[in-house]
Protein backbone atom coordinates (compact mmCIF):
# COMPACT_ATOMS: atom_id res chain seq x y z
CA UNK A 1 -0.05 -0.19 0.09
CA UNK A 2 1.18 3.74 -0.38
CA UNK A 3 1.92 5.98 2.64
CA UNK A 4 -0.78 8.55 4.07
CA UNK A 5 0.61 11.58 6.05
CA UNK A 6 -1.70 11.72 9.10
CA UNK A 7 -2.11 15.34 9.05
CA UNK A 8 -5.03 15.37 10.95
CA UNK A 9 -3.44 13.10 13.43
CA UNK A 10 -0.67 14.79 13.95
CA UNK A 11 -2.44 18.74 13.93
CA UNK A 12 -4.62 17.63 16.64
CA UNK A 13 -1.48 16.42 19.01
CA UNK A 14 -0.11 19.63 18.24
CA UNK A 15 -2.94 21.79 19.59
CA UNK A 16 -4.98 19.69 21.68
CA UNK A 17 -2.76 17.65 23.58
CA UNK A 18 0.92 18.89 23.47
CA UNK A 19 -0.11 22.85 23.23
CA UNK A 20 1.37 24.46 20.35
CA UNK A 21 -0.76 27.32 20.39
CA UNK A 22 1.14 28.48 23.64
CA UNK A 23 4.25 29.60 21.60
CA UNK A 24 2.04 32.39 20.17
CA UNK A 25 2.04 34.16 23.04
CA UNK A 26 6.12 34.46 23.41
CA UNK A 27 6.22 36.60 20.64
CA UNK A 28 9.19 34.64 19.36
CA UNK A 29 7.36 33.23 16.32
CA UNK A 30 5.85 35.91 14.70
CA UNK A 31 5.58 33.88 11.45
CA UNK A 32 3.63 30.98 13.44
CA UNK A 33 -0.07 30.50 13.25
CA UNK A 34 -2.44 27.75 12.81
CA UNK A 35 -3.06 28.31 9.07
CA UNK A 36 1.30 28.17 9.14
CA UNK A 37 0.60 24.96 10.84
CA UNK A 38 -1.87 23.45 8.47
CA UNK A 39 -0.05 24.24 5.37
CA UNK A 40 3.62 22.83 6.75
CA UNK A 41 1.69 19.73 7.44
CA UNK A 42 -0.01 19.32 4.00
CA UNK A 43 3.09 20.37 2.36
CA UNK A 44 5.48 18.20 4.15
CA UNK A 45 2.94 15.11 3.89
CA UNK A 46 2.79 15.96 0.26
CA UNK A 47 6.17 15.86 -0.23
CA UNK A 48 6.70 12.39 1.79
CA UNK A 49 3.83 10.86 0.10
CA UNK A 50 4.45 11.50 -3.79
CA UNK A 51 8.52 11.86 -3.41
CA UNK A 52 10.27 9.86 -0.31
CA UNK A 53 7.70 7.04 0.22
CA UNK A 54 7.97 5.60 -3.79
CA UNK A 55 11.80 5.41 -2.96
CA UNK A 56 11.87 3.26 0.36
CA UNK A 57 11.49 -0.03 -1.01
CA UNK A 58 13.63 0.14 -4.23
CA UNK A 59 16.01 2.40 -1.63
CA UNK A 60 15.85 -1.25 0.62
CA UNK A 61 16.56 -3.35 -2.34
CA UNK A 62 19.37 -1.51 -4.01
CA UNK A 63 20.72 0.18 -0.71
CA UNK A 64 23.44 2.85 -0.65
CA UNK A 65 26.84 1.14 -2.28
CA UNK A 66 30.81 2.49 -1.49
CA UNK A 67 33.60 1.62 -4.43
CA UNK A 68 36.83 3.55 -4.54
CA UNK A 69 36.79 5.10 -1.09
CA UNK A 70 33.13 6.77 -2.14
CA UNK A 71 29.74 6.08 -1.30
CA UNK A 72 26.75 6.62 -3.87
CA UNK A 73 23.37 7.12 -2.43
CA UNK A 74 20.97 4.57 -3.11
CA UNK A 75 19.34 5.34 -6.80
CA UNK A 76 17.12 8.62 -6.96
CA UNK A 77 18.15 9.59 -3.19
CA UNK A 78 20.59 12.37 -4.24
CA UNK A 79 17.82 13.75 -6.77
CA UNK A 80 15.13 13.24 -3.47
CA UNK A 81 17.29 14.93 -1.38
CA UNK A 82 18.20 18.22 -3.76
CA UNK A 83 14.11 18.24 -3.64
CA UNK A 84 14.12 18.77 -0.35
CA UNK A 85 16.62 21.13 0.29
CA UNK A 86 14.59 23.44 -2.49
CA UNK A 87 11.48 22.87 -0.60
CA UNK A 88 13.58 24.58 2.26
CA UNK A 89 13.18 21.87 4.88
CA UNK A 90 15.89 21.53 6.34
CA UNK A 91 15.70 25.36 7.36
CA UNK A 92 12.31 25.07 9.20
CA UNK A 93 12.81 26.06 12.88
CA UNK A 94 16.68 27.62 12.45
CA UNK A 95 16.75 30.91 12.85
CA UNK A 96 16.31 33.65 10.06
CA UNK A 97 19.81 35.27 10.31
CA UNK A 98 21.02 31.80 9.13
CA UNK A 99 18.42 31.94 6.37
CA UNK A 100 15.60 29.92 8.43
CA UNK A 101 12.17 30.13 8.55
CA UNK A 102 12.06 30.73 12.38
CA UNK A 103 9.13 28.47 13.85
CA UNK A 104 8.70 25.98 16.65
CA UNK A 105 10.93 23.14 16.69
CA UNK A 106 7.83 21.74 17.70
CA UNK A 107 6.46 22.19 14.17
CA UNK A 108 9.34 21.28 12.29
CA UNK A 109 9.01 17.53 14.30
CA UNK A 110 6.06 17.54 13.38
CA UNK A 111 6.97 17.62 9.59
CA UNK A 112 9.66 15.39 9.90
CA UNK A 113 7.50 12.92 11.14
CA UNK A 114 6.04 12.48 7.84
CA UNK A 115 9.68 12.16 6.36
CA UNK A 116 10.89 9.06 8.67
CA UNK A 117 7.44 7.52 7.93
CA UNK A 118 7.74 7.48 4.32
CA UNK A 119 11.43 6.63 4.21
CA UNK A 120 13.25 6.36 7.17
CA UNK A 121 16.68 5.98 5.34
CA UNK A 122 16.31 9.11 3.97
CA UNK A 123 14.96 11.00 6.90
CA UNK A 124 18.59 10.33 8.91
CA UNK A 125 20.29 12.66 6.51
CA UNK A 126 18.85 15.83 7.32
CA UNK A 127 17.59 14.84 10.99
CA UNK A 128 21.64 15.07 11.49
CA UNK A 129 22.14 18.19 9.63
CA UNK A 130 19.38 19.88 12.24
CA UNK A 131 21.79 18.71 14.95
CA UNK A 132 24.63 19.92 13.46
CA UNK A 133 22.96 23.19 13.06
CA UNK A 134 21.90 23.29 16.45
CA UNK A 135 25.67 22.43 17.64
CA UNK A 136 27.08 25.53 15.75
CA UNK A 137 24.39 27.85 17.10
CA UNK A 138 25.18 27.13 20.36
CA UNK A 139 29.00 26.92 20.46
CA UNK A 140 29.89 27.90 17.21
CA UNK A 141 32.34 31.01 16.72
CA UNK A 142 30.97 33.88 14.54
CA UNK A 143 33.23 32.80 11.71
CA UNK A 144 31.67 29.00 11.97
CA UNK A 145 28.12 30.64 12.01
CA UNK A 146 28.48 32.75 8.93
CA UNK A 147 30.58 30.08 6.88
CA UNK A 148 28.85 26.92 7.91
CA UNK A 149 25.22 27.43 9.39
CA UNK A 150 23.73 29.04 6.10
CA UNK A 151 24.84 26.11 3.64
CA UNK A 152 23.78 23.69 6.50
CA UNK A 153 20.63 25.23 7.05
CA UNK A 154 19.87 25.41 3.17
CA UNK A 155 20.24 22.24 2.57
CA UNK A 156 23.22 22.82 0.13
CA UNK A 157 25.56 20.58 2.59
CA UNK A 158 24.77 17.84 5.15
CA UNK A 159 25.85 17.32 8.68
CA UNK A 160 27.38 14.23 10.58
CA UNK A 161 27.71 13.49 13.76
CA UNK A 162 30.87 11.44 14.65
CA UNK A 163 31.49 10.12 18.02
CA UNK A 164 32.17 6.03 18.05
CA UNK A 165 35.40 4.18 17.63
CA UNK A 166 35.64 0.70 17.34
CA UNK A 167 37.19 0.02 20.62
CA UNK A 168 34.85 3.00 22.52
CA UNK A 169 31.00 2.53 21.98
CA UNK A 170 28.72 4.55 24.28
CA UNK A 171 31.81 4.81 26.81
CA UNK A 172 32.75 8.19 24.81
CA UNK A 173 35.45 8.47 27.08
CA UNK A 174 37.80 5.90 25.60
CA UNK A 175 38.19 7.50 22.15
CA UNK A 176 41.23 7.97 20.95
CA UNK A 177 41.25 10.10 18.30
CA UNK A 178 43.67 12.97 18.37
CA UNK A 179 43.72 16.78 17.41
CA UNK A 180 47.52 18.32 17.15
CA UNK A 181 47.47 22.04 16.42
CA UNK A 182 48.92 23.35 13.26
CA UNK A 183 50.36 26.77 14.86
CA UNK A 184 47.25 28.54 12.93
CA UNK A 185 44.45 27.97 14.35
CA UNK A 186 43.45 24.77 12.86
CA UNK A 187 44.35 21.01 13.65
CA UNK A 188 45.19 18.16 12.33
CA UNK A 189 43.08 15.02 13.45
CA UNK A 190 43.72 11.50 13.15
CA UNK A 191 41.36 8.38 14.31
CA UNK A 192 39.04 6.07 13.04
CA UNK A 193 34.88 6.58 13.69
CA UNK A 194 32.48 3.87 13.01
CA UNK A 195 29.10 3.64 12.81
CA UNK A 196 28.87 7.53 10.93
CA UNK A 197 25.44 7.73 9.60
CA UNK A 198 25.46 9.47 5.82
CA UNK A 199 29.28 10.53 6.91
CA UNK A 200 29.53 10.11 3.03
CA UNK A 201 27.53 10.48 0.19
CA UNK A 202 26.93 12.12 -3.58
CA UNK A 203 23.81 13.67 -2.72
CA UNK A 204 25.35 17.19 -1.71
CA UNK A 205 29.16 19.14 -2.66
CA UNK A 206 30.36 19.17 1.30
CA UNK A 207 29.47 17.05 4.20
CA UNK A 208 30.40 19.14 7.79
CA UNK A 209 31.60 16.53 10.05
CA UNK A 210 31.14 17.21 14.12
CA UNK A 211 34.02 14.95 15.39
CA UNK A 212 34.91 14.20 18.98
CA UNK A 213 39.01 13.97 19.45
CA UNK A 214 41.33 14.61 22.32
CA UNK A 215 43.64 17.15 22.34
CA UNK A 216 47.58 16.41 22.98
CA UNK A 217 47.85 17.44 26.72
CA UNK A 218 44.00 16.60 27.15
CA UNK A 219 43.45 14.89 30.69
CA UNK A 220 42.09 11.53 30.31
CA UNK A 221 38.23 10.46 30.19
CA UNK A 222 35.67 12.18 29.33
CA UNK A 223 36.57 15.54 30.82
CA UNK A 224 39.90 15.65 27.90
CA UNK A 225 37.29 15.30 24.98
CA UNK A 226 37.06 18.16 22.42
CA UNK A 227 34.79 19.09 19.69
CA UNK A 228 35.85 19.82 16.24
CA UNK A 229 34.49 20.65 13.08
CA UNK A 230 36.26 19.10 9.20
CA UNK A 231 34.59 19.79 6.34
CA UNK A 232 34.97 17.20 3.29
CA UNK A 233 36.42 19.70 1.10
CA UNK A 234 38.41 22.80 2.12
CA UNK A 235 35.82 25.71 2.70
CA UNK A 236 37.61 28.91 1.21
CA UNK A 237 37.26 32.25 2.03
CA UNK A 238 34.70 33.18 -0.32
CA UNK A 239 33.04 30.04 0.33
CA UNK A 240 33.72 28.21 -2.65
CA UNK A 241 35.02 24.52 -2.23
CA UNK A 242 38.85 23.71 -2.59
CA UNK A 243 41.05 20.29 -1.88
CA UNK A 244 39.77 16.98 -0.58
CA UNK A 245 40.26 17.20 2.81
CA UNK A 246 42.26 14.06 4.14
CA UNK A 247 39.46 11.76 5.37
CA UNK A 248 37.24 9.04 3.86
CA UNK A 249 35.16 6.60 4.27
CA UNK A 250 36.84 3.09 3.87
CA UNK A 251 33.75 1.24 4.08
CA UNK A 252 29.92 1.07 4.49
CA UNK A 253 28.24 -1.40 7.11
CA UNK A 254 25.99 -4.12 6.13
CA UNK A 255 23.41 -3.96 7.71
CA UNK A 256 19.40 -5.54 9.31
CA UNK A 257 17.44 -2.62 7.76
CA UNK A 258 17.93 1.03 6.77
CA UNK A 259 19.83 -0.37 3.70
CA UNK A 260 19.69 3.12 1.71
CA UNK A 261 21.36 4.68 4.98
CA UNK A 262 25.53 4.56 4.40
CA UNK A 263 26.71 3.96 7.81
CA UNK A 264 30.23 4.25 7.54
CA UNK A 265 33.49 3.45 8.83
CA UNK A 266 35.38 6.95 8.35
CA UNK A 267 39.25 7.41 8.68
CA UNK A 268 40.97 10.69 9.54
CA UNK A 269 44.33 10.90 8.44
CA UNK A 270 46.01 14.12 9.47
CA UNK A 271 42.38 16.04 8.34
CA UNK A 272 42.28 19.17 8.66
CA UNK A 273 39.49 20.77 11.67
CA UNK A 274 38.57 23.40 13.47
CA UNK A 275 37.76 23.60 17.41
CA UNK A 276 34.21 24.18 18.00
CA UNK A 277 33.68 25.45 21.83
CA UNK A 278 36.12 25.51 24.30
CA UNK A 279 38.79 22.83 24.90
CA UNK A 280 38.14 19.87 26.81
CA UNK A 281 34.71 20.73 27.08
CA UNK A 282 33.90 18.80 23.91
CA UNK A 283 31.35 16.26 25.40
CA UNK A 284 28.98 19.16 26.87
CA UNK A 285 29.17 20.46 23.39
CA UNK A 286 28.23 18.14 21.61
CA UNK A 287 25.56 16.65 23.89
CA UNK A 288 23.40 19.93 22.17
CA UNK A 289 23.89 17.64 19.33
CA UNK A 290 22.93 14.28 20.61
CA UNK A 291 19.69 15.77 22.60
CA UNK A 292 18.68 17.14 19.22
CA UNK A 293 18.91 13.72 17.72
CA UNK A 294 17.65 12.03 20.58
CA UNK A 295 14.05 13.70 20.15
CA UNK A 296 13.93 13.63 16.61
CA UNK A 297 14.48 9.74 16.75
CA UNK A 298 11.93 9.48 19.06
CA UNK A 299 10.12 11.16 16.48
CA UNK A 300 11.40 8.59 13.83
CA UNK A 301 10.17 5.47 16.46
CA UNK A 302 6.57 6.78 15.67
CA UNK A 303 6.87 7.54 12.05
CA UNK A 304 8.26 4.07 11.56
CA UNK A 305 5.45 3.18 13.80
CA UNK A 306 2.49 4.71 12.05
CA UNK A 307 3.61 3.29 8.67
CA UNK A 308 3.62 -0.36 9.66
CA UNK A 309 0.31 0.45 11.25
CA UNK A 310 -1.02 1.81 7.99
CA UNK A 311 0.58 -1.26 6.48
CA UNK A 312 -1.06 -3.40 8.86
CA UNK A 313 -4.23 -1.59 9.00
CA UNK A 314 -4.83 -2.16 5.20
CA UNK A 315 -3.73 -5.74 4.83
CA UNK A 316 -6.92 -6.24 7.65
CA UNK A 317 -9.07 -4.87 5.82
CA UNK A 318 -8.19 -6.59 2.81
CA UNK A 319 -7.19 -10.00 3.80
CA UNK A 320 -10.57 -12.27 3.81
CA UNK A 321 -10.95 -15.10 6.21
CA UNK A 322 -12.97 -16.73 8.79
CA UNK A 323 -16.46 -15.63 10.10
CA UNK A 324 -17.21 -12.27 11.63
CA UNK A 325 -18.35 -12.11 14.88
CA UNK A 326 -20.01 -9.30 14.45
CA UNK A 327 -22.15 -9.21 10.90
CA UNK A 328 -22.03 -12.78 10.83
CA UNK A 329 -20.40 -12.61 7.04
CA UNK A 330 -18.68 -15.38 5.85
CA UNK A 331 -15.00 -14.86 4.31
CA UNK A 332 -15.06 -11.65 6.01
CA UNK A 333 -11.82 -9.17 6.85
CA UNK A 334 -9.64 -10.13 9.30
CA UNK A 335 -10.43 -6.66 10.81
CA UNK A 336 -13.63 -7.96 12.09
CA UNK A 337 -11.70 -10.92 14.12
CA UNK A 338 -11.63 -9.12 17.53
CA UNK A 339 -8.16 -9.93 18.11
CA UNK A 340 -6.87 -8.24 14.99
CA UNK A 341 -8.94 -4.88 15.68
CA UNK A 342 -7.85 -5.14 19.37
CA UNK A 343 -4.12 -5.58 17.99
CA UNK A 344 -4.70 -2.66 15.65
CA UNK A 345 -6.57 -0.24 18.25
CA UNK A 346 -3.22 -0.83 20.56
CA UNK A 347 -1.03 -0.03 18.10
CA UNK A 348 -2.65 3.00 16.99
CA UNK A 349 -3.07 4.49 20.56
CA UNK A 350 0.11 3.76 21.31
CA UNK A 351 1.61 5.66 18.33
CA UNK A 352 -0.65 8.66 19.72
CA UNK A 353 0.40 8.57 22.84
CA UNK A 354 4.39 8.44 21.47
CA UNK A 355 3.21 11.25 18.93
CA UNK A 356 1.92 13.50 21.85
CA UNK A 357 5.40 12.55 24.20
CA UNK A 358 7.73 14.03 21.44
CA UNK A 359 5.43 16.88 20.34
CA UNK A 360 5.10 18.02 23.87
CA UNK A 361 8.56 17.49 24.39
CA UNK A 362 9.31 19.86 21.58
CA UNK A 363 6.76 22.17 22.85
CA UNK A 364 8.50 22.30 26.34
CA UNK A 365 12.18 22.92 24.29
CA UNK A 366 10.43 26.27 22.77
CA UNK A 367 9.37 27.28 26.02
CA UNK A 368 12.35 26.25 27.75
CA UNK A 369 14.27 28.89 25.34
CA UNK A 370 11.18 32.12 24.59
CA UNK A 371 8.56 31.44 27.59
CA UNK A 372 8.42 35.13 29.44
CA UNK A 373 10.46 34.85 32.21
CA UNK A 374 13.63 33.33 33.73
CA UNK A 375 11.73 30.83 36.01
CA UNK A 376 8.98 29.90 33.09
CA UNK A 377 11.96 29.21 31.19
CA UNK A 378 14.00 27.20 33.91
CA UNK A 379 10.38 25.19 34.59
CA UNK A 380 10.22 24.39 30.89
CA UNK A 381 13.72 23.58 30.54
CA UNK A 382 13.02 20.90 33.44
CA UNK A 383 10.18 19.72 31.33
CA UNK A 384 12.19 18.88 28.45
CA UNK A 385 14.83 17.24 30.12
CA UNK A 386 12.45 15.17 31.85
CA UNK A 387 10.37 14.11 28.23
CA UNK A 388 13.71 13.61 26.20
CA UNK A 389 14.85 10.41 27.18
CA UNK A 390 11.48 9.19 27.54
CA UNK A 391 10.30 10.35 24.32
CA UNK A 392 13.34 8.86 22.13
CA UNK A 393 13.18 5.43 24.54
CA UNK A 394 9.65 5.17 24.98
CA UNK A 395 8.43 5.58 21.25
CA UNK A 396 11.30 3.86 19.62
CA UNK A 397 10.53 0.64 21.92
CA UNK A 398 6.99 1.19 20.47
CA UNK A 399 8.20 2.02 16.89
CA UNK A 400 9.47 -1.89 17.04
CA UNK A 401 6.83 -3.14 18.98
CA UNK A 402 4.27 -1.96 16.14
CA UNK A 403 6.32 -2.95 13.76
CA UNK A 404 6.32 -6.76 14.87
CA UNK A 405 2.59 -6.51 15.68
CA UNK A 406 2.42 -5.24 11.82
CA UNK A 407 4.31 -8.27 10.91
CA UNK A 408 2.09 -10.12 13.28
CA UNK A 409 -0.98 -9.06 11.68
CA UNK A 410 0.26 -10.53 8.27
CA UNK A 411 0.53 -13.81 9.43
CA UNK A 412 3.12 -15.52 7.06
CA UNK A 413 2.72 -12.86 4.24
CA UNK A 414 4.61 -10.86 6.67
CA UNK A 415 7.39 -12.80 7.20
CA UNK A 416 8.48 -13.21 3.61
CA UNK A 417 9.96 -9.77 2.09
CA UNK A 418 7.59 -9.07 -0.80
CA UNK A 419 4.58 -7.77 1.33
CA UNK A 420 7.22 -4.76 2.88
CA UNK A 421 5.98 -5.47 6.43
CA UNK A 422 9.48 -7.31 7.40
CA UNK A 423 11.17 -3.99 6.37
CA UNK A 424 9.77 -1.81 8.97
CA UNK A 425 10.71 -4.05 11.25
CA UNK A 426 14.39 -3.96 10.32
CA UNK A 427 14.41 -0.49 10.23
CA UNK A 428 12.77 -0.09 13.37
CA UNK A 429 14.86 -1.71 15.19
CA UNK A 430 17.90 0.26 15.09
CA UNK A 431 16.18 3.12 16.61
CA UNK A 432 16.37 2.22 20.50
CA UNK A 433 20.02 1.54 19.81
CA UNK A 434 21.55 4.68 18.39
CA UNK A 435 21.86 8.23 20.00
CA UNK A 436 22.14 6.63 22.90
CA UNK A 437 20.75 3.10 23.89
CA UNK A 438 17.59 3.25 25.41
CA UNK A 439 19.47 1.44 28.94
CA UNK A 440 21.59 4.53 28.27
CA UNK A 441 18.09 6.68 28.44
CA UNK A 442 16.85 4.98 31.27
CA UNK A 443 20.04 5.56 32.84
CA UNK A 444 19.90 9.18 32.36
CA UNK A 445 16.29 9.48 33.32
CA UNK A 446 17.14 8.12 36.76
CA UNK A 447 20.67 8.93 36.92
CA UNK A 448 20.22 13.31 35.92
CA UNK A 449 17.30 14.23 34.81
CA UNK A 450 15.38 12.78 38.02
CA UNK A 451 16.99 14.82 40.80
CA UNK A 452 18.70 17.43 38.57
CA UNK A 453 15.66 19.75 40.36
CA UNK A 454 15.14 17.98 43.27
CA UNK A 455 12.51 16.12 41.68
CA UNK A 456 10.87 19.12 41.02
CA UNK A 457 9.85 18.14 37.25
CA UNK A 458 8.57 14.97 37.76
CA UNK A 459 6.80 15.87 40.72
CA UNK A 460 5.00 18.63 38.34
CA UNK A 461 3.88 16.41 35.77
CA UNK A 462 2.90 14.35 37.96
CA UNK A 463 0.37 17.06 39.34
CA UNK A 464 -0.58 17.78 35.99
CA UNK A 465 -1.86 14.15 35.45
CA UNK A 466 -3.29 14.39 38.45
CA UNK A 467 -5.38 17.35 37.57
CA UNK A 468 -6.37 15.98 34.07
CA UNK A 469 -7.65 12.50 36.11
CA UNK A 470 -10.18 14.88 37.66
CA UNK A 471 -11.55 16.51 34.22
CA UNK A 472 -11.66 12.68 33.23
CA UNK A 473 -14.39 11.53 35.62
CA UNK A 474 -16.66 14.19 34.07
CA UNK A 475 -16.29 11.97 30.78
CA UNK A 476 -16.00 8.40 32.21
CA UNK A 477 -16.91 6.39 35.25
CA UNK A 478 -15.38 3.14 36.39
CA UNK A 479 -12.03 1.50 35.04
CA UNK A 480 -10.85 3.79 32.52
CA UNK A 481 -10.72 6.48 35.57
CA UNK A 482 -9.49 3.96 37.84
CA UNK A 483 -6.68 2.54 35.98
CA UNK A 484 -5.55 6.00 35.38
CA UNK A 485 -5.57 7.05 39.08
CA UNK A 486 -3.59 3.47 39.95
CA UNK A 487 -1.46 4.25 37.12
CA UNK A 488 -0.18 7.76 38.58
CA UNK A 489 -0.37 6.45 42.04
CA UNK A 490 2.62 4.36 40.82
CA UNK A 491 4.53 6.77 38.56
CA UNK A 492 4.38 8.79 42.26
CA UNK A 493 5.78 6.13 44.25
CA UNK A 494 7.92 4.83 41.97
CA UNK A 495 9.38 8.61 41.54
CA UNK A 496 9.41 8.83 45.52
CA UNK A 497 11.36 5.28 45.69
CA UNK A 498 14.04 6.47 43.23
CA UNK A 499 14.63 10.15 45.02
CA UNK A 500 14.84 8.63 48.20
CA UNK A 501 17.41 5.64 47.17
CA UNK A 502 18.91 8.48 45.27
CA UNK A 503 20.14 10.13 48.56
CA UNK A 504 21.59 6.85 49.46
CA UNK A 505 25.23 6.30 48.39
CA UNK A 506 25.03 2.84 49.11
CA UNK A 507 22.20 2.24 46.91
CA UNK A 508 23.65 3.40 43.02
CA UNK A 509 22.69 -0.72 41.99
CA UNK A 510 19.06 -0.22 43.04
CA UNK A 511 18.65 3.14 41.30
CA UNK A 512 20.59 1.52 38.21
CA UNK A 513 18.31 -1.72 38.41
CA UNK A 514 15.30 0.05 38.55
CA UNK A 515 16.29 2.71 35.54
CA UNK A 516 14.64 0.97 32.43
CA UNK A 517 11.58 -0.25 34.19
CA UNK A 518 10.79 3.26 35.63
CA UNK A 519 11.50 4.68 32.20
CA UNK A 520 9.01 2.35 30.56
CA UNK A 521 6.22 3.17 33.66
CA UNK A 522 6.76 7.25 32.94
CA UNK A 523 6.47 6.27 29.17
CA UNK A 524 2.93 4.10 29.64
CA UNK A 525 1.58 7.04 32.14
CA UNK A 526 2.26 9.81 30.53
CA UNK A 527 1.39 8.54 27.39
CA UNK A 528 -2.38 7.67 28.85
CA UNK A 529 -2.09 11.10 30.19
CA UNK A 530 -1.55 12.55 26.91
CA UNK A 531 -4.17 10.09 25.06
CA UNK A 532 -6.63 11.35 28.38
CA UNK A 533 -5.89 15.11 27.12
CA UNK A 534 -6.90 13.98 23.47
CA UNK A 535 -10.21 12.59 24.49
CA UNK A 536 -10.97 15.47 26.97
CA UNK A 537 -10.33 18.01 23.73
CA UNK A 538 -11.92 15.78 21.53
CA UNK A 539 -15.67 15.56 24.05
CA UNK A 540 -15.39 19.62 23.90
CA UNK A 541 -15.05 19.40 20.26
CA UNK A 542 -17.83 17.02 20.19
CA UNK A 543 -20.46 19.25 22.41
CA UNK A 544 -19.40 21.99 19.98
CA UNK A 545 -20.31 20.61 16.79
CA UNK A 546 -17.15 21.32 15.59
CA UNK A 547 -15.54 18.26 13.47
CA UNK A 548 -15.66 15.25 12.46
CA UNK A 549 -17.96 13.23 15.10
CA UNK A 550 -16.70 9.70 14.31
CA UNK A 551 -13.19 10.41 14.00
CA UNK A 552 -13.69 12.44 17.95
CA UNK A 553 -15.31 9.71 19.35
CA UNK A 554 -11.94 7.56 18.16
CA UNK A 555 -10.06 9.98 20.38
CA UNK A 556 -12.35 9.06 23.22
CA UNK A 557 -12.40 5.43 22.48
CA UNK A 558 -8.48 5.08 21.89
CA UNK A 559 -8.35 6.04 25.33
CA UNK A 560 -10.42 3.63 26.72
CA UNK A 561 -8.43 0.97 24.67
CA UNK A 562 -5.00 2.78 26.18
CA UNK A 563 -6.12 2.47 29.53
CA UNK A 564 -7.25 -1.47 29.47
CA UNK A 565 -4.17 -2.32 27.64
CA UNK A 566 -1.36 -0.53 28.82
CA UNK A 567 -2.48 1.41 32.06
CA UNK A 568 -3.63 -1.72 33.67
CA UNK A 569 0.08 -3.15 33.56
CA UNK A 570 1.37 -0.13 35.70
CA UNK A 571 1.71 -2.27 39.13
CA UNK A 572 4.27 -4.57 37.48
CA UNK A 573 6.24 -1.93 36.17
CA UNK A 574 6.32 -0.73 39.70
CA UNK A 575 7.11 -4.07 41.04
CA UNK A 576 10.06 -4.17 38.81
CA UNK A 577 11.65 -0.84 39.84
CA UNK A 578 11.28 -1.92 43.26
CA UNK A 579 13.31 -5.24 42.85
CA UNK A 580 16.48 -3.65 43.93
CA UNK A 581 20.06 -4.52 43.14
CA UNK A 582 20.73 -7.22 45.30
CA UNK A 583 18.40 -9.22 43.31
CA UNK A 584 20.12 -8.79 40.04
CA UNK A 585 23.59 -9.61 42.08
CA UNK A 586 22.12 -13.24 42.86
CA UNK A 587 22.10 -13.42 38.84
CA UNK A 588 25.72 -14.54 38.54
CA UNK A 589 27.23 -16.30 35.44
CA UNK A 590 26.64 -19.44 36.59
CA UNK A 591 22.92 -18.77 37.79
CA UNK A 592 22.41 -17.53 34.02
CA UNK A 593 24.16 -20.67 32.84
CA UNK A 594 27.36 -19.77 31.24
CA UNK A 595 29.71 -22.06 30.75
């Protein structure tokens, strides 16, 4: 089937749930209003449907190719990228002084969901450029901003994030790439990086590499890392390109999925580079780029889930087998089997919950920069920080889960490549791994984000959920309310337990053992809160006679499905939070069956 951008669902999530209209009052987005939002989403959806989606399957089959020290994008991708850049899609949220459109980050995330749905391998290329733009905006010199930002914002050049080395996966403190001063303000960069997404390609004339490396006198570990910028080609004073720099791809990885996205092994052999930001503070500088990418990857999880869901729904409506329990029809669509419809309903509910979490994080990021007072900006920054690891990890786990269920709905036809369901599952599987594995996101949540403000951000979001629960009693009675109430209580109990254990220096193992179940619990409960807000908004629209009644009733029913199938498991999540480190310590290699 062809992809259809869910523009109406995305717009509803932005306005009724994530609260993007609050950005208008800040005055920071003078060119933004509801009409602009609608136009951007419609145009993004059309481009994704008409240009990117048709390249998805051929790109998976052909893949990117490597030969003679260069990478060639999958057939059609270079031309699609040129159209993408010409459409201004890399500059949606970039500031006007760099050639961008100055629109909200949340709207950019919403538009990019359609890109990732249509063609996840393609979407990774501009996604990393957006992250490079944020890093240079935050830490680049005036020269670097003038030289590189306009070309990145326009899409004329692309960006790449170069962190990982063969001996240093997520432990960036173990990296060994070195940058030696040349004596003229530049550096000679030497080392090898692996897993560099779109590190080389033929879609643009130049690629801006953001590279972590050490200075010769740097202290060991994470405190000795600096951030450098290296161009594929020399950028002359007039902006034209000169000689090829001394770095190159030495191969591309052969991956489970995203075959059309070139994942490069890069060798830097005395490459000319510039320092970005302050020496030995590269890790904190790079985190600007990484946090932008983490939220974007969360949206990527939503996008691939939406694509897999649409594929499965279309198949369920077409495939006929058995008798309908509702109509009595023989040879009915398998959509009429209760388990298939339940599965599709839960898939849809989780997608909408994940979408709302990501877009709410985007709105929080916008308000953290542009809210009216310093206190408001601080509070919104706490919300952004708390939601970022949840958005990345929970949403990408949903991407894998929904894609897997999509294969299941296809049955045996899902396990063969011809139907396309398998590709979504293969593509989705990387998202919980890159930009910091989901286990690292969980450790970040409980290790830093939960307690950086004494737990105030977590307590605030729990209080807001409790306020929504009170409103919900006017719409529901019985289980839908009881399950949300119990889930909020579980989230509160888990949060207080973790804050208490974090205050005990001897309880580090307890905290880390609780990290993953706590993130999953918070994702489940916050996702339920998002759907509850959507249900309340839908009810208000119905009462006002505003909108499609059947579609709005669906928003109300989705919350009920979620409450029954997800919120009901909050108690088991809470039990896992409290299991403690001592129990896991008992699970020795012998207990786990190692030879």
